[in-house]
Amino acid sequence: MLGTGKIGRNTCKNIVDYLGTKKITLINRTEEKAKLLAIELGLQSAPLEQLAQHIRSADIIITATNSTEPVILEQYLNGAGKKLIIDLSVPFNIEAAAQQLPNIELVNVDELSKMKDETLSKRIAEVPKAKAIIAEHISEFMEWYKMRENVPVLKAVKSKLKEINTSPLFFPPSNNQFSPDEKIQRVLNGMASKMREQNQKGCYYIEAINEFIATGS
């Protein structure tokens, strides 16, 4: 990591936090700043004079300096093996000739901005789908909520049907194939369905009782 200013510092912290790696060497024009950040994050630091050496041994190089001249030169990279270089500097810190080397994969601020814009566009395109999913769940919730308003009525009808079923004056049809509990539940299910579709609570109270007495189904 070359450069420990605001961008370099934040980038370095994010790498440590999100990737969980400590295998990072910090180099800065002011060596003391690199040392302090290295101590804070549990990393290594090196003086600027060792830049070429560390570039040749590194797999990934991130640069975030405010230098007006390239600081990573072709001679540091030529024949040094494959490297991924992420250039966060403005202006860019990689020598033009170094960018053309076959062993170099370079990502700069402009390319990162394009990637960000493409990712944002994809997310925006998914917004209607997300809204549709939310609307569907809201509709399901509101249906459930409306049915919750009917719970006291359904409980009252269930209690009344059980009371009727145990009354000595009630003579259920002899050919009914359902048990009393099954008959009650079938009547309640039908009542709940009608209440959900037509929302006329009072009418179904008497209707459910009549249906239970008459048919038990």
Protein backbone atom coordinates (compact mmCIF):
# COMPACT_ATOMS: atom_id res chain seq x y z
CA MET A 1 0.00 0.00 0.00
CA LEU A 2 1.63 3.19 -1.19
CA GLY A 3 0.30 6.37 0.40
CA THR A 4 -1.30 6.64 3.83
CA GLY A 5 -3.28 9.85 3.45
CA LYS A 6 -7.06 9.94 3.86
CA ILE A 7 -7.84 7.68 0.89
CA GLY A 8 -4.99 5.29 1.59
CA ARG A 9 -5.83 5.10 5.29
CA ASN A 10 -9.53 4.38 4.67
CA THR A 11 -8.73 1.85 1.96
CA CYS A 12 -6.28 0.08 4.21
CA LYS A 13 -8.75 -0.08 7.11
CA ASN A 14 -11.43 -1.49 4.81
CA ILE A 15 -9.07 -4.18 3.55
CA VAL A 16 -8.22 -5.19 7.10
CA ASP A 17 -11.85 -5.10 8.28
CA TYR A 18 -13.55 -6.79 5.32
CA LEU A 19 -10.85 -9.16 4.09
CA GLY A 20 -9.39 -9.95 7.50
CA THR A 21 -5.81 -9.82 6.22
CA LYS A 22 -2.77 -8.39 7.94
CA LYS A 23 -0.30 -9.22 5.18
CA ILE A 24 0.09 -5.60 4.12
CA THR A 25 3.16 -3.39 3.95
CA LEU A 26 2.63 0.38 4.14
CA ILE A 27 4.93 2.85 2.42
CA ASN A 28 4.54 6.61 2.57
CA ARG A 29 6.64 9.60 1.62
CA THR A 30 6.61 10.58 5.32
CA GLU A 31 7.79 7.34 6.90
CA GLU A 32 6.46 8.18 10.38
CA LYS A 33 2.85 8.29 9.12
CA ALA A 34 3.19 4.80 7.64
CA LYS A 35 4.70 3.51 10.89
CA LEU A 36 1.88 4.94 13.03
CA LEU A 37 -0.86 3.44 10.83
CA ALA A 38 0.99 0.11 10.70
CA ILE A 39 1.16 0.01 14.51
CA GLU A 40 -2.54 0.94 14.78
CA LEU A 41 -3.67 -1.82 12.41
CA GLY A 42 -1.04 -4.43 13.22
CA LEU A 43 0.67 -4.24 9.82
CA GLN A 44 4.19 -3.75 8.49
CA SER A 45 5.77 -0.56 7.16
CA ALA A 46 8.83 0.20 5.08
CA PRO A 47 10.76 3.32 4.02
CA LEU A 48 10.21 4.85 0.59
CA GLU A 49 13.75 3.85 -0.39
CA GLN A 50 12.61 0.20 -0.37
CA LEU A 51 9.65 0.85 -2.71
CA ALA A 52 11.12 -0.96 -5.73
CA GLN A 53 12.01 -4.01 -3.62
CA HIS A 54 8.52 -4.33 -2.13
CA ILE A 55 6.79 -3.73 -5.47
CA ARG A 56 8.70 -6.63 -7.01
CA SER A 57 7.74 -8.99 -4.15
CA ALA A 58 4.08 -7.93 -3.85
CA ASP A 59 1.12 -9.59 -5.61
CA ILE A 60 -1.22 -6.62 -5.27
CA ILE A 61 -0.13 -2.98 -5.23
CA ILE A 62 -2.48 -0.17 -4.19
CA THR A 63 -1.34 3.39 -4.66
CA ALA A 64 -3.11 6.46 -3.28
CA THR A 65 -0.66 9.34 -3.27
CA ASN A 66 -1.01 12.99 -4.28
CA SER A 67 2.19 12.94 -6.31
CA THR A 68 2.03 14.83 -9.61
CA GLU A 69 4.54 12.42 -11.15
CA PRO A 70 4.36 8.63 -11.56
CA VAL A 71 5.87 6.83 -8.59
CA ILE A 72 5.54 3.25 -9.86
CA LEU A 73 7.90 2.88 -12.78
CA GLU A 74 8.29 0.33 -15.55
CA GLN A 75 11.69 -0.73 -14.21
CA TYR A 76 10.06 -1.81 -10.92
CA LEU A 77 7.61 -4.12 -12.71
CA ASN A 78 9.37 -5.42 -15.79
CA GLY A 79 10.07 -9.13 -15.32
CA ALA A 80 8.68 -9.08 -11.76
CA GLY A 81 5.82 -11.51 -12.40
CA LYS A 82 2.08 -10.92 -12.51
CA LYS A 83 0.83 -7.93 -10.56
CA LEU A 84 -2.56 -6.42 -9.88
CA ILE A 85 -2.24 -2.65 -9.46
CA ILE A 86 -5.09 -0.54 -8.12
CA ASP A 87 -4.37 3.13 -8.73
CA LEU A 88 -6.55 5.39 -6.57
CA SER A 89 -4.40 8.45 -7.20
CA VAL A 90 -5.38 11.56 -9.13
CA PRO A 91 -3.42 12.05 -11.32
CA PHE A 92 -2.52 8.42 -11.92
CA ASN A 93 0.69 7.19 -10.30
CA ILE A 94 1.64 4.45 -12.76
CA GLU A 95 4.15 5.22 -15.47
CA ALA A 96 2.60 4.93 -18.95
CA ALA A 97 5.18 2.37 -20.10
CA ALA A 98 4.49 0.25 -17.03
CA GLN A 99 0.80 0.11 -17.88
CA GLN A 100 1.61 -1.65 -21.17
CA LEU A 101 3.55 -4.52 -19.62
CA PRO A 102 1.91 -7.94 -20.28
CA ASN A 103 2.26 -9.03 -16.67
CA ILE A 104 0.34 -6.02 -15.31
CA GLU A 105 -3.38 -5.86 -14.63
CA LEU A 106 -4.26 -2.25 -13.87
CA VAL A 107 -7.44 -0.85 -12.32
CA ASN A 108 -7.66 2.91 -11.89
CA VAL A 109 -10.15 5.40 -10.49
CA ASP A 110 -11.92 5.85 -13.83
CA GLU A 111 -12.50 2.11 -14.19
CA LEU A 112 -13.66 1.84 -10.57
CA SER A 113 -16.15 4.64 -11.24
CA LYS A 114 -17.48 2.78 -14.29
CA MET A 115 -17.84 -0.39 -12.21
CA LYS A 116 -19.68 1.59 -9.54
CA ASP A 117 -21.99 3.14 -12.12
CA GLU A 118 -22.72 -0.25 -13.72
CA THR A 119 -23.44 -1.79 -10.32
CA LEU A 120 -25.72 1.12 -9.42
CA SER A 121 -27.57 0.79 -12.73
CA LYS A 122 -28.15 -2.92 -12.09
CA ARG A 123 -29.46 -2.16 -8.61
CA ILE A 124 -31.79 0.54 -9.93
CA ALA A 125 -33.11 -1.91 -12.52
CA GLU A 126 -34.02 -4.31 -9.70
CA VAL A 127 -35.99 -1.68 -7.75
CA PRO A 128 -39.36 -2.40 -9.50
CA LYS A 129 -38.98 -6.11 -8.67
CA ALA A 130 -38.24 -5.26 -5.04
CA LYS A 131 -41.25 -2.95 -4.87
CA ALA A 132 -43.47 -5.68 -6.35
CA ILE A 133 -42.28 -8.15 -3.71
CA ILE A 134 -42.91 -5.59 -0.96
CA ALA A 135 -46.39 -4.84 -2.33
CA GLU A 136 -47.22 -8.55 -2.42
CA HIS A 137 -46.19 -9.02 1.21
CA ILE A 138 -48.07 -5.89 2.28
CA SER A 139 -51.19 -7.25 0.57
CA GLU A 140 -50.80 -10.59 2.34
CA PHE A 141 -50.24 -8.83 5.65
CA MET A 142 -53.29 -6.62 5.22
CA GLU A 143 -55.41 -9.66 4.39
CA TRP A 144 -54.13 -11.37 7.54
CA TYR A 145 -54.74 -8.20 9.56
CA LYS A 146 -58.33 -7.92 8.33
CA MET A 147 -58.95 -11.54 9.25
CA ARG A 148 -57.60 -10.84 12.73
CA GLU A 149 -60.49 -8.38 13.13
CA ASN A 150 -62.86 -11.31 12.65
CA VAL A 151 -61.25 -13.53 15.30
CA PRO A 152 -63.61 -12.45 18.15
CA VAL A 153 -66.67 -13.24 15.99
CA LEU A 154 -65.26 -16.61 14.93
CA LYS A 155 -64.45 -17.49 18.54
CA ALA A 156 -67.96 -16.52 19.62
CA VAL A 157 -69.51 -18.68 16.89
CA LYS A 158 -67.25 -21.61 17.78
CA SER A 159 -68.27 -21.32 21.43
CA LYS A 160 -71.94 -21.15 20.48
CA LEU A 161 -71.70 -24.16 18.17
CA LYS A 162 -70.04 -26.21 20.93
CA GLU A 163 -72.79 -25.13 23.28
CA ILE A 164 -75.46 -26.17 20.78
CA ASN A 165 -73.74 -29.50 20.14
CA THR A 166 -73.86 -30.41 23.85
CA SER A 167 -77.44 -29.25 24.33
CA PRO A 168 -79.97 -32.07 25.05
CA LEU A 169 -82.35 -30.31 22.66
CA PHE A 170 -79.97 -30.73 19.70
CA PHE A 171 -80.42 -33.79 17.54
CA PRO A 172 -77.70 -33.93 14.85
CA PRO A 173 -78.40 -35.78 11.59
CA SER A 174 -77.88 -39.50 12.12
CA ASN A 175 -76.20 -39.98 8.75
CA ASN A 176 -73.53 -37.29 9.23
CA GLN A 177 -70.04 -38.60 8.47
CA PHE A 178 -68.16 -35.93 10.48
CA SER A 179 -67.45 -35.71 14.21
CA PRO A 180 -68.81 -32.69 16.11
CA ASP A 181 -65.37 -31.01 16.14
CA GLU A 182 -64.95 -31.60 12.40
CA LYS A 183 -68.41 -30.19 11.70
CA ILE A 184 -67.69 -27.09 13.75
CA GLN A 185 -64.37 -26.51 12.01
CA ARG A 186 -65.93 -26.92 8.56
CA VAL A 187 -68.63 -24.38 9.43
CA LEU A 188 -66.02 -21.94 10.79
CA ASN A 189 -63.82 -22.35 7.70
CA GLY A 190 -66.76 -21.57 5.44
CA MET A 191 -67.74 -18.59 7.57
CA ALA A 192 -64.18 -17.22 7.58
CA SER A 193 -63.97 -17.57 3.80
CA LYS A 194 -67.23 -15.65 3.30
CA MET A 195 -66.18 -12.95 5.77
CA ARG A 196 -62.87 -12.54 3.95
CA GLU A 197 -64.53 -12.26 0.54
CA GLN A 198 -67.65 -10.25 1.42
CA ASN A 199 -66.91 -8.78 4.87
CA GLN A 200 -70.42 -9.02 6.32
CA LYS A 201 -69.72 -10.24 9.83
CA GLY A 202 -73.17 -10.16 11.43
CA CYS A 203 -75.02 -12.03 8.68
CA TYR A 204 -72.72 -15.04 8.90
CA TYR A 205 -73.15 -15.52 12.64
CA ILE A 206 -76.75 -16.72 12.31
CA GLU A 207 -76.04 -18.41 8.98
CA ALA A 208 -73.24 -20.51 10.51
CA ILE A 209 -75.44 -21.63 13.39
CA ASN A 210 -78.28 -22.54 11.03
CA GLU A 211 -75.90 -24.42 8.76
CA PHE A 212 -74.49 -26.41 11.68
CA ILE A 213 -77.95 -27.33 12.97
CA ALA A 214 -79.36 -28.15 9.55
CA THR A 215 -76.55 -30.07 7.89
CA GLY A 216 -73.53 -30.22 10.18
CA SER A 217 -71.27 -29.57 7.18
